[in-house]
Amino acid sequence: MTTRHAAALTLLGWYLMMPLMEKKGVEKKEVRISQWFIQKSFDTATECEAERSVLSQQGKEAYAKGSRERSTIQKVVAACIATDDPRLAK
């Protein structure tokens, strides 16, 4: 591996991202990932997925109990996105 490749790998990170939501927890139609907001940053995909899994479970439990708050829906649909994902630039 060249020094350039090593530098590129160290710059890669992960974002836990959530979509923008309309009032009453309805997702805005066709919102591009570049318009989602960053909830938290992580060094590895594993760390991000672990956090996303916890949030998703919390959201599913709250939804099952009747919560239709924006934050509940956002937790369920949150995604881990690499910082170099080309969809973030669009």
C-alpha atoms as a PDB file:
ATOM      1  CA  MET A   1       0.000   0.000   0.000  1.00  0.00           C
ATOM      2  CA  THR A   2       1.352   3.403  -0.916  1.00  0.00           C
ATOM      3  CA  THR A   3       1.419   6.370   1.420  1.00  0.00           C
ATOM      4  CA  ARG A   4      -1.307   7.974  -0.672  1.00  0.00           C
ATOM      5  CA  HIS A   5      -3.595   4.954  -0.181  1.00  0.00           C
ATOM      6  CA  ALA A   6      -2.922   4.902   3.564  1.00  0.00           C
ATOM      7  CA  ALA A   7      -3.790   8.593   3.821  1.00  0.00           C
ATOM      8  CA  ALA A   8      -7.018   8.061   1.900  1.00  0.00           C
ATOM      9  CA  LEU A   9      -8.056   5.208   4.186  1.00  0.00           C
ATOM     10  CA  THR A  10      -7.474   7.246   7.330  1.00  0.00           C
ATOM     11  CA  LEU A  11      -9.709  10.036   6.038  1.00  0.00           C
ATOM     12  CA  LEU A  12     -12.679   7.729   5.504  1.00  0.00           C
ATOM     13  CA  GLY A  13     -15.306   8.014   8.203  1.00  0.00           C
ATOM     14  CA  TRP A  14     -18.985   7.338   8.636  1.00  0.00           C
ATOM     15  CA  TYR A  15     -21.989   9.535   9.276  1.00  0.00           C
ATOM     16  CA  LEU A  16     -25.166   8.433  11.016  1.00  0.00           C
ATOM     17  CA  MET A  17     -27.678  10.405   8.985  1.00  0.00           C
ATOM     18  CA  MET A  18     -31.386  11.039   9.295  1.00  0.00           C
ATOM     19  CA  PRO A  19     -33.843  12.405   6.743  1.00  0.00           C
ATOM     20  CA  LEU A  20     -35.634  15.687   7.111  1.00  0.00           C
ATOM     21  CA  MET A  21     -39.240  15.139   8.105  1.00  0.00           C
ATOM     22  CA  GLU A  22     -42.431  17.067   7.578  1.00  0.00           C
ATOM     23  CA  LYS A  23     -44.753  17.762  10.471  1.00  0.00           C
ATOM     24  CA  LYS A  24     -46.282  14.679  12.085  1.00  0.00           C
ATOM     25  CA  GLY A  25     -43.394  12.422  11.045  1.00  0.00           C
ATOM     26  CA  VAL A  26     -44.045  12.234   7.315  1.00  0.00           C
ATOM     27  CA  GLU A  27     -40.830  11.971   5.322  1.00  0.00           C
ATOM     28  CA  LYS A  28     -40.360  14.663   2.696  1.00  0.00           C
ATOM     29  CA  LYS A  29     -40.801  13.110  -0.718  1.00  0.00           C
ATOM     30  CA  GLU A  30     -37.612  12.069  -2.494  1.00  0.00           C
ATOM     31  CA  VAL A  31     -35.203  13.890  -0.208  1.00  0.00           C
ATOM     32  CA  ARG A  32     -31.683  13.182  -1.414  1.00  0.00           C
ATOM     33  CA  ILE A  33     -29.170  11.896   1.106  1.00  0.00           C
ATOM     34  CA  SER A  34     -27.185  15.092   0.556  1.00  0.00           C
ATOM     35  CA  GLN A  35     -30.109  16.893   2.219  1.00  0.00           C
ATOM     36  CA  TRP A  36     -30.282  14.564   5.251  1.00  0.00           C
ATOM     37  CA  PHE A  37     -28.679  15.810   8.443  1.00  0.00           C
ATOM     38  CA  ILE A  38     -25.717  14.304  10.243  1.00  0.00           C
ATOM     39  CA  GLN A  39     -26.699  12.991  13.656  1.00  0.00           C
ATOM     40  CA  LYS A  40     -23.219  11.771  14.594  1.00  0.00           C
ATOM     41  CA  SER A  41     -19.821  10.911  13.057  1.00  0.00           C
ATOM     42  CA  PHE A  42     -17.870   7.677  13.506  1.00  0.00           C
ATOM     43  CA  ASP A  43     -14.448   6.316  12.632  1.00  0.00           C
ATOM     44  CA  THR A  44     -15.729   2.903  11.508  1.00  0.00           C
ATOM     45  CA  ALA A  45     -18.778   1.423   9.841  1.00  0.00           C
ATOM     46  CA  THR A  46     -19.114  -1.036  12.728  1.00  0.00           C
ATOM     47  CA  GLU A  47     -19.439   1.760  15.288  1.00  0.00           C
ATOM     48  CA  CYS A  48     -21.971   3.562  13.126  1.00  0.00           C
ATOM     49  CA  GLU A  49     -24.055   0.446  12.516  1.00  0.00           C
ATOM     50  CA  ALA A  50     -24.092  -0.363  16.233  1.00  0.00           C
ATOM     51  CA  GLU A  51     -25.476   3.102  17.033  1.00  0.00           C
ATOM     52  CA  ARG A  52     -27.944   2.937  14.136  1.00  0.00           C
ATOM     53  CA  SER A  53     -29.188  -0.438  15.331  1.00  0.00           C
ATOM     54  CA  VAL A  54     -29.825   0.880  18.852  1.00  0.00           C
ATOM     55  CA  LEU A  55     -31.655   3.953  17.534  1.00  0.00           C
ATOM     56  CA  SER A  56     -33.692   1.873  15.112  1.00  0.00           C
ATOM     57  CA  GLN A  57     -34.793  -0.479  17.880  1.00  0.00           C
ATOM     58  CA  GLN A  58     -35.754   2.474  20.098  1.00  0.00           C
ATOM     59  CA  GLY A  59     -37.747   3.965  17.229  1.00  0.00           C
ATOM     60  CA  LYS A  60     -39.539   0.683  16.491  1.00  0.00           C
ATOM     61  CA  GLU A  61     -40.459   0.239  20.149  1.00  0.00           C
ATOM     62  CA  ALA A  62     -41.756   3.805  20.415  1.00  0.00           C
ATOM     63  CA  TYR A  63     -43.728   3.386  17.176  1.00  0.00           C
ATOM     64  CA  ALA A  64     -45.280   0.159  18.472  1.00  0.00           C
ATOM     65  CA  LYS A  65     -46.407   2.090  21.550  1.00  0.00           C
ATOM     66  CA  GLY A  66     -48.127   4.664  19.349  1.00  0.00           C
ATOM     67  CA  SER A  67     -45.509   7.398  18.958  1.00  0.00           C
ATOM     68  CA  ARG A  68     -45.651   9.121  15.590  1.00  0.00           C
ATOM     69  CA  GLU A  69     -43.173  11.869  16.460  1.00  0.00           C
ATOM     70  CA  ARG A  70     -40.654  12.935  13.844  1.00  0.00           C
ATOM     71  CA  SER A  71     -37.766  11.704  15.969  1.00  0.00           C
ATOM     72  CA  THR A  72     -39.346   8.235  16.226  1.00  0.00           C
ATOM     73  CA  ILE A  73     -39.587   7.859  12.448  1.00  0.00           C
ATOM     74  CA  GLN A  74     -36.118   9.331  11.925  1.00  0.00           C
ATOM     75  CA  LYS A  75     -34.614   6.721  14.245  1.00  0.00           C
ATOM     76  CA  VAL A  76     -36.217   3.906  12.266  1.00  0.00           C
ATOM     77  CA  VAL A  77     -34.986   5.122   8.870  1.00  0.00           C
ATOM     78  CA  ALA A  78     -31.546   6.434   9.893  1.00  0.00           C
ATOM     79  CA  ALA A  79     -28.641   5.224   7.764  1.00  0.00           C
ATOM     80  CA  CYS A  80     -24.876   4.963   7.995  1.00  0.00           C
ATOM     81  CA  ILE A  81     -23.235   6.710   5.061  1.00  0.00           C
ATOM     82  CA  ALA A  82     -19.515   6.760   4.251  1.00  0.00           C
ATOM     83  CA  THR A  83     -18.033  10.241   4.275  1.00  0.00           C
ATOM     84  CA  ASP A  84     -16.812   9.705   0.718  1.00  0.00           C
ATOM     85  CA  ASP A  85     -20.210   8.556  -0.592  1.00  0.00           C
ATOM     86  CA  PRO A  86     -20.794  10.385  -3.892  1.00  0.00           C
ATOM     87  CA  ARG A  87     -24.460  10.952  -3.013  1.00  0.00           C
ATOM     88  CA  LEU A  88     -23.361  13.464  -0.369  1.00  0.00           C
ATOM     89  CA  ALA A  89     -21.918  15.753  -3.053  1.00  0.00           C
ATOM     90  CA  LYS A  90     -25.118  16.014  -5.080  1.00  0.00           C
END
